[in-house]
Amino acid sequence: MQQTDWQKTLEVVVKGFVAAIVALAGLWVLGWLFSFLGSILIGLAGIVVALLKFLVPVAVIAAIVYFFVSQLQSSASTPRVQARVEPKPIEHAPATTIDAAATTNPESKVSVGGPSTTIESSDEEKSEG
């Protein structure tokens, strides 16, 4: 029985060493992968810096040239033609009143004027009808 306990203990130790070796190998592969990706990113950063070393001075020179050309065009004495549209005044018609006889009440008065139509009637007409 003592021999079996000793074998189980040895088996656990060996499995622990194998697990440690696998973990170290995985970390080594992960480190190699990250260093490879890091070198790729460093190369891309170098390309971006090289492009910016060329593009920034070109952009500054282009901005200066654009500023001077726009200033020369605005100060030139050539007359500019501008189309101008003047609004035409709207003529308002005076309010119109139409007298109409209704079939139920002959004394109803209809008034038309402005944006809405109103019907006017007196209180006496409502009480009679």
N, C-alpha and C. Protein backbone atom coordinates (compact mmCIF):
# COMPACT_ATOMS: atom_id res chain seq x y z
N MET A 1 0.80 -1.18 0.00
CA MET A 1 0.00 0.00 0.00
C MET A 1 0.86 1.26 0.00
N GLN A 2 1.96 1.19 0.63
CA GLN A 2 2.85 2.34 0.64
C GLN A 2 3.39 2.59 -0.76
N GLN A 3 3.57 1.55 -1.52
CA GLN A 3 4.09 1.69 -2.87
C GLN A 3 3.07 2.40 -3.74
N THR A 4 1.81 2.17 -3.59
CA THR A 4 0.77 2.80 -4.38
C THR A 4 0.69 4.30 -4.06
N ASP A 5 0.79 4.68 -2.82
CA ASP A 5 0.77 6.09 -2.45
C ASP A 5 1.97 6.82 -3.04
N TRP A 6 3.13 6.13 -3.02
CA TRP A 6 4.34 6.72 -3.58
C TRP A 6 4.19 6.91 -5.08
N GLN A 7 3.57 5.98 -5.80
CA GLN A 7 3.37 6.07 -7.25
C GLN A 7 2.38 7.19 -7.58
N LYS A 8 1.35 7.32 -6.79
CA LYS A 8 0.37 8.40 -7.04
C LYS A 8 1.01 9.77 -6.83
N THR A 9 1.84 9.85 -5.83
CA THR A 9 2.52 11.12 -5.57
C THR A 9 3.46 11.45 -6.71
N LEU A 10 4.22 10.44 -7.18
CA LEU A 10 5.14 10.65 -8.30
C LEU A 10 4.36 11.03 -9.56
N GLU A 11 3.22 10.41 -9.77
CA GLU A 11 2.39 10.72 -10.94
C GLU A 11 1.89 12.16 -10.89
N VAL A 12 1.49 12.64 -9.74
CA VAL A 12 1.02 14.02 -9.59
C VAL A 12 2.17 15.00 -9.83
N VAL A 13 3.35 14.68 -9.35
CA VAL A 13 4.51 15.56 -9.56
C VAL A 13 4.87 15.63 -11.04
N VAL A 14 4.88 14.48 -11.72
CA VAL A 14 5.21 14.45 -13.15
C VAL A 14 4.17 15.22 -13.94
N LYS A 15 2.89 15.04 -13.62
CA LYS A 15 1.84 15.79 -14.32
C LYS A 15 1.99 17.29 -14.07
N GLY A 16 2.42 17.67 -12.89
CA GLY A 16 2.65 19.09 -12.60
C GLY A 16 3.78 19.66 -13.43
N PHE A 17 4.87 18.86 -13.56
CA PHE A 17 5.99 19.31 -14.40
C PHE A 17 5.58 19.42 -15.87
N VAL A 18 4.80 18.46 -16.36
CA VAL A 18 4.34 18.51 -17.76
C VAL A 18 3.45 19.74 -17.95
N ALA A 19 2.56 20.02 -17.00
CA ALA A 19 1.69 21.20 -17.10
C ALA A 19 2.53 22.48 -17.09
N ALA A 20 3.58 22.53 -16.28
CA ALA A 20 4.44 23.71 -16.23
C ALA A 20 5.18 23.89 -17.55
N ILE A 21 5.65 22.77 -18.14
CA ILE A 21 6.37 22.86 -19.43
C ILE A 21 5.41 23.34 -20.52
N VAL A 22 4.17 22.81 -20.53
CA VAL A 22 3.19 23.24 -21.54
C VAL A 22 2.86 24.72 -21.36
N ALA A 23 2.70 25.16 -20.11
CA ALA A 23 2.40 26.57 -19.86
C ALA A 23 3.55 27.46 -20.31
N LEU A 24 4.79 27.06 -20.03
CA LEU A 24 5.95 27.85 -20.48
C LEU A 24 6.05 27.88 -22.00
N ALA A 25 5.78 26.75 -22.65
CA ALA A 25 5.81 26.71 -24.12
C ALA A 25 4.73 27.63 -24.69
N GLY A 26 3.55 27.62 -24.08
CA GLY A 26 2.47 28.51 -24.54
C GLY A 26 2.85 29.97 -24.37
N LEU A 27 3.46 30.31 -23.24
CA LEU A 27 3.90 31.69 -23.03
C LEU A 27 5.00 32.08 -24.01
N TRP A 28 5.90 31.13 -24.33
CA TRP A 28 6.96 31.42 -25.30
C TRP A 28 6.35 31.71 -26.66
N VAL A 29 5.36 30.90 -27.10
CA VAL A 29 4.70 31.12 -28.40
C VAL A 29 3.95 32.46 -28.38
N LEU A 30 3.27 32.75 -27.28
CA LEU A 30 2.54 34.02 -27.17
C LEU A 30 3.50 35.21 -27.22
N GLY A 31 4.64 35.10 -26.55
CA GLY A 31 5.64 36.17 -26.61
C GLY A 31 6.19 36.35 -28.01
N TRP A 32 6.44 35.25 -28.71
CA TRP A 32 6.93 35.34 -30.09
C TRP A 32 5.89 36.01 -30.97
N LEU A 33 4.61 35.67 -30.78
CA LEU A 33 3.54 36.26 -31.58
C LEU A 33 3.43 37.76 -31.30
N PHE A 34 3.49 38.14 -30.02
CA PHE A 34 3.40 39.57 -29.70
C PHE A 34 4.61 40.35 -30.20
N SER A 35 5.79 39.76 -30.16
CA SER A 35 6.96 40.47 -30.69
C SER A 35 6.86 40.62 -32.21
N PHE A 36 6.30 39.61 -32.88
CA PHE A 36 6.09 39.70 -34.33
C PHE A 36 5.10 40.81 -34.66
N LEU A 37 3.98 40.85 -33.92
CA LEU A 37 2.99 41.91 -34.15
C LEU A 37 3.56 43.29 -33.80
N GLY A 38 4.39 43.34 -32.77
CA GLY A 38 5.02 44.61 -32.40
C GLY A 38 5.94 45.12 -33.49
N SER A 39 6.71 44.21 -34.10
CA SER A 39 7.61 44.65 -35.18
C SER A 39 6.81 45.11 -36.39
N ILE A 40 5.66 44.47 -36.65
CA ILE A 40 4.81 44.93 -37.77
C ILE A 40 4.27 46.32 -37.46
N LEU A 41 3.81 46.54 -36.23
CA LEU A 41 3.28 47.86 -35.87
C LEU A 41 4.37 48.93 -35.90
N ILE A 42 5.58 48.58 -35.50
CA ILE A 42 6.69 49.55 -35.58
C ILE A 42 6.97 49.91 -37.03
N GLY A 43 6.92 48.91 -37.92
CA GLY A 43 7.12 49.19 -39.35
C GLY A 43 6.03 50.09 -39.90
N LEU A 44 4.76 49.84 -39.53
CA LEU A 44 3.67 50.70 -39.99
C LEU A 44 3.82 52.13 -39.45
N ALA A 45 4.26 52.25 -38.20
CA ALA A 45 4.47 53.58 -37.63
C ALA A 45 5.58 54.32 -38.39
N GLY A 46 6.61 53.59 -38.80
CA GLY A 46 7.68 54.22 -39.58
C GLY A 46 7.17 54.71 -40.93
N ILE A 47 6.29 53.93 -41.56
CA ILE A 47 5.72 54.35 -42.85
C ILE A 47 4.86 55.60 -42.67
N VAL A 48 4.05 55.63 -41.60
CA VAL A 48 3.20 56.80 -41.34
C VAL A 48 4.05 58.03 -41.08
N VAL A 49 5.11 57.89 -40.31
CA VAL A 49 5.99 59.04 -40.02
C VAL A 49 6.66 59.53 -41.30
N ALA A 50 7.09 58.61 -42.15
CA ALA A 50 7.72 59.02 -43.42
C ALA A 50 6.73 59.77 -44.31
N LEU A 51 5.47 59.30 -44.34
CA LEU A 51 4.46 60.00 -45.13
C LEU A 51 4.17 61.39 -44.56
N LEU A 52 4.09 61.47 -43.24
CA LEU A 52 3.82 62.77 -42.62
C LEU A 52 4.97 63.75 -42.82
N LYS A 53 6.19 63.27 -42.84
CA LYS A 53 7.34 64.15 -43.09
C LYS A 53 7.24 64.79 -44.48
N PHE A 54 6.57 64.10 -45.40
CA PHE A 54 6.40 64.65 -46.75
C PHE A 54 5.10 65.46 -46.85
N LEU A 55 4.01 64.95 -46.28
CA LEU A 55 2.70 65.56 -46.49
C LEU A 55 2.48 66.85 -45.69
N VAL A 56 3.02 66.94 -44.50
CA VAL A 56 2.79 68.14 -43.69
C VAL A 56 3.41 69.38 -44.33
N PRO A 57 4.67 69.36 -44.78
CA PRO A 57 5.19 70.56 -45.46
C PRO A 57 4.43 70.88 -46.75
N VAL A 58 4.02 69.86 -47.49
CA VAL A 58 3.25 70.12 -48.71
C VAL A 58 1.92 70.78 -48.36
N ALA A 59 1.26 70.32 -47.30
CA ALA A 59 -0.02 70.91 -46.90
C ALA A 59 0.16 72.35 -46.43
N VAL A 60 1.24 72.63 -45.72
CA VAL A 60 1.49 74.00 -45.25
C VAL A 60 1.76 74.93 -46.44
N ILE A 61 2.55 74.49 -47.39
CA ILE A 61 2.84 75.30 -48.58
C ILE A 61 1.56 75.53 -49.39
N ALA A 62 0.74 74.48 -49.54
CA ALA A 62 -0.51 74.62 -50.28
C ALA A 62 -1.45 75.61 -49.58
N ALA A 63 -1.49 75.60 -48.26
CA ALA A 63 -2.35 76.54 -47.53
C ALA A 63 -1.87 77.97 -47.71
N ILE A 64 -0.56 78.18 -47.70
CA ILE A 64 -0.01 79.53 -47.90
C ILE A 64 -0.33 80.03 -49.30
N VAL A 65 -0.14 79.17 -50.31
CA VAL A 65 -0.44 79.56 -51.70
C VAL A 65 -1.92 79.87 -51.85
N TYR A 66 -2.78 79.04 -51.27
CA TYR A 66 -4.23 79.27 -51.35
C TYR A 66 -4.61 80.60 -50.71
N PHE A 67 -3.99 80.93 -49.56
CA PHE A 67 -4.28 82.19 -48.89
C PHE A 67 -3.91 83.38 -49.76
N PHE A 68 -2.71 83.34 -50.35
CA PHE A 68 -2.28 84.47 -51.18
C PHE A 68 -3.11 84.59 -52.44
N VAL A 69 -3.48 83.48 -53.06
CA VAL A 69 -4.30 83.55 -54.28
C VAL A 69 -5.68 84.10 -53.96
N SER A 70 -6.26 83.68 -52.85
CA SER A 70 -7.58 84.19 -52.50
C SER A 70 -7.52 85.68 -52.16
N GLN A 71 -6.43 86.12 -51.53
CA GLN A 71 -6.28 87.54 -51.23
C GLN A 71 -6.11 88.35 -52.52
N LEU A 72 -5.37 87.83 -53.49
CA LEU A 72 -5.19 88.53 -54.76
C LEU A 72 -6.51 88.61 -55.52
N GLN A 73 -7.32 87.56 -55.48
CA GLN A 73 -8.58 87.58 -56.20
C GLN A 73 -9.57 88.55 -55.55
N SER A 74 -9.56 88.64 -54.24
CA SER A 74 -10.50 89.55 -53.58
C SER A 74 -10.09 91.01 -53.75
N SER A 75 -8.79 91.27 -53.91
CA SER A 75 -8.34 92.65 -54.06
C SER A 75 -8.29 93.09 -55.53
N ALA A 76 -8.57 92.20 -56.45
CA ALA A 76 -8.56 92.56 -57.87
C ALA A 76 -9.71 93.53 -58.15
N SER A 77 -9.49 94.42 -59.11
CA SER A 77 -10.48 95.48 -59.37
C SER A 77 -11.51 95.05 -60.41
N THR A 78 -11.64 93.81 -60.71
CA THR A 78 -12.64 93.38 -61.68
C THR A 78 -14.02 93.48 -61.05
N PRO A 79 -14.96 94.11 -61.79
CA PRO A 79 -16.31 94.24 -61.21
C PRO A 79 -17.00 92.88 -61.16
N ARG A 80 -17.68 92.69 -60.09
CA ARG A 80 -18.40 91.43 -59.93
C ARG A 80 -19.88 91.67 -60.22
N VAL A 81 -20.47 90.76 -60.91
CA VAL A 81 -21.89 90.84 -61.22
C VAL A 81 -22.62 89.93 -60.25
N GLN A 82 -23.59 90.51 -59.57
CA GLN A 82 -24.37 89.72 -58.63
C GLN A 82 -25.84 89.78 -59.03
N ALA A 83 -26.47 88.65 -59.07
CA ALA A 83 -27.89 88.60 -59.36
C ALA A 83 -28.64 88.93 -58.07
N ARG A 84 -29.58 89.83 -58.18
CA ARG A 84 -30.33 90.22 -57.01
C ARG A 84 -31.82 90.10 -57.30
N VAL A 85 -32.50 89.41 -56.48
CA VAL A 85 -33.94 89.23 -56.64
C VAL A 85 -34.63 90.02 -55.55
N GLU A 86 -35.48 90.95 -55.97
CA GLU A 86 -36.21 91.74 -55.01
C GLU A 86 -37.59 91.13 -54.84
N PRO A 87 -38.05 91.02 -53.62
CA PRO A 87 -39.36 90.41 -53.41
C PRO A 87 -40.49 91.31 -53.92
N LYS A 88 -41.47 90.71 -54.55
CA LYS A 88 -42.62 91.44 -55.06
C LYS A 88 -43.64 91.56 -53.93
N PRO A 89 -44.15 92.76 -53.69
CA PRO A 89 -45.11 92.90 -52.59
C PRO A 89 -46.40 92.16 -52.90
N ILE A 90 -46.96 91.58 -51.88
CA ILE A 90 -48.21 90.84 -52.02
C ILE A 90 -49.36 91.82 -51.84
N GLU A 91 -50.29 91.82 -52.80
CA GLU A 91 -51.44 92.72 -52.72
C GLU A 91 -52.56 91.99 -51.99
N HIS A 92 -53.07 92.62 -50.96
CA HIS A 92 -54.15 92.04 -50.17
C HIS A 92 -55.48 92.61 -50.65
N ALA A 93 -56.44 91.74 -50.90
CA ALA A 93 -57.78 92.18 -51.31
C ALA A 93 -58.57 92.57 -50.06
N PRO A 94 -59.42 93.56 -50.18
CA PRO A 94 -60.23 93.93 -49.01
C PRO A 94 -61.23 92.82 -48.69
N ALA A 95 -61.68 92.80 -47.45
CA ALA A 95 -62.64 91.78 -47.02
C ALA A 95 -63.95 91.94 -47.78
N THR A 96 -64.55 90.84 -48.17
CA THR A 96 -65.79 90.86 -48.93
C THR A 96 -66.89 90.25 -48.08
N THR A 97 -68.03 90.89 -48.04
CA THR A 97 -69.17 90.38 -47.30
C THR A 97 -70.24 89.96 -48.29
N ILE A 98 -70.74 88.75 -48.14
CA ILE A 98 -71.77 88.22 -49.04
C ILE A 98 -73.01 87.97 -48.20
N ASP A 99 -74.12 88.55 -48.61
CA ASP A 99 -75.39 88.30 -47.95
C ASP A 99 -76.05 87.13 -48.65
N ALA A 100 -76.38 86.09 -47.88
CA ALA A 100 -77.03 84.93 -48.46
C ALA A 100 -78.19 84.52 -47.58
N ALA A 101 -79.20 84.03 -48.20
CA ALA A 101 -80.37 83.59 -47.45
C ALA A 101 -80.29 82.09 -47.27
N ALA A 102 -80.44 81.62 -46.02
CA ALA A 102 -80.43 80.20 -45.74
C ALA A 102 -81.85 79.68 -45.76
N THR A 103 -82.02 78.38 -46.01
CA THR A 103 -83.37 77.81 -46.10
C THR A 103 -84.03 77.73 -44.73
N THR A 104 -83.26 77.51 -43.65
CA THR A 104 -83.86 77.39 -42.33
C THR A 104 -84.08 78.75 -41.69
N ASN A 105 -83.21 79.71 -41.96
CA ASN A 105 -83.33 81.01 -41.34
C ASN A 105 -83.00 82.06 -42.39
N PRO A 106 -83.94 82.81 -42.84
CA PRO A 106 -83.67 83.76 -43.93
C PRO A 106 -82.83 84.96 -43.51
N GLU A 107 -82.60 85.19 -42.22
CA GLU A 107 -81.85 86.36 -41.78
C GLU A 107 -80.39 86.03 -41.44
N SER A 108 -79.85 84.88 -41.87
CA SER A 108 -78.45 84.53 -41.60
C SER A 108 -77.54 85.37 -42.47
N LYS A 109 -76.40 85.69 -41.94
CA LYS A 109 -75.43 86.51 -42.66
C LYS A 109 -74.12 85.75 -42.74
N VAL A 110 -73.57 85.60 -43.94
CA VAL A 110 -72.30 84.91 -44.14
C VAL A 110 -71.27 85.95 -44.50
N SER A 111 -70.14 85.93 -43.78
CA SER A 111 -69.08 86.90 -44.03
C SER A 111 -67.84 86.16 -44.47
N VAL A 112 -67.26 86.59 -45.59
CA VAL A 112 -66.04 85.97 -46.11
C VAL A 112 -64.96 87.02 -46.08
N GLY A 113 -63.85 86.70 -45.44
CA GLY A 113 -62.76 87.65 -45.39
C GLY A 113 -61.59 87.05 -44.66
N GLY A 114 -60.38 87.33 -45.08
CA GLY A 114 -59.19 86.80 -44.42
C GLY A 114 -59.02 85.32 -44.72
N PRO A 115 -58.28 84.63 -43.87
CA PRO A 115 -57.98 83.23 -44.15
C PRO A 115 -59.10 82.26 -43.81
N SER A 116 -60.13 82.69 -43.06
CA SER A 116 -61.17 81.75 -42.66
C SER A 116 -62.55 82.31 -43.02
N THR A 117 -63.54 81.45 -43.07
CA THR A 117 -64.91 81.83 -43.36
C THR A 117 -65.70 81.75 -42.07
N THR A 118 -66.45 82.81 -41.77
CA THR A 118 -67.24 82.83 -40.54
C THR A 118 -68.70 83.01 -40.88
N ILE A 119 -69.55 82.42 -40.08
CA ILE A 119 -71.00 82.58 -40.23
C ILE A 119 -71.48 83.35 -39.01
N GLU A 120 -72.14 84.48 -39.26
CA GLU A 120 -72.60 85.32 -38.18
C GLU A 120 -74.11 85.22 -38.08
N SER A 121 -74.60 85.08 -36.87
CA SER A 121 -76.04 85.11 -36.66
C SER A 121 -76.30 85.69 -35.28
N SER A 122 -77.41 86.28 -35.11
CA SER A 122 -77.72 86.91 -33.82
C SER A 122 -78.40 85.89 -32.91
N ASP A 123 -78.42 86.20 -31.61
CA ASP A 123 -79.03 85.30 -30.63
C ASP A 123 -80.54 85.22 -30.82
N GLU A 124 -81.17 86.33 -31.30
CA GLU A 124 -82.61 86.33 -31.52
C GLU A 124 -82.98 85.34 -32.61
N GLU A 125 -82.13 85.25 -33.67
CA GLU A 125 -82.41 84.34 -34.77
C GLU A 125 -82.33 82.89 -34.30
N LYS A 126 -81.43 82.59 -33.40
CA LYS A 126 -81.27 81.21 -32.89
C LYS A 126 -82.47 80.83 -32.04
N SER A 127 -82.96 81.79 -31.24
CA SER A 127 -84.09 81.45 -30.38
C SER A 127 -85.39 81.33 -31.17
N GLU A 128 -85.54 82.09 -32.27
CA GLU A 128 -86.74 82.00 -33.09
C GLU A 128 -86.76 80.72 -33.90
N GLY A 129 -85.63 80.24 -34.38
CA GLY A 129 -85.57 79.11 -35.29
C GLY A 129 -85.58 77.81 -34.66
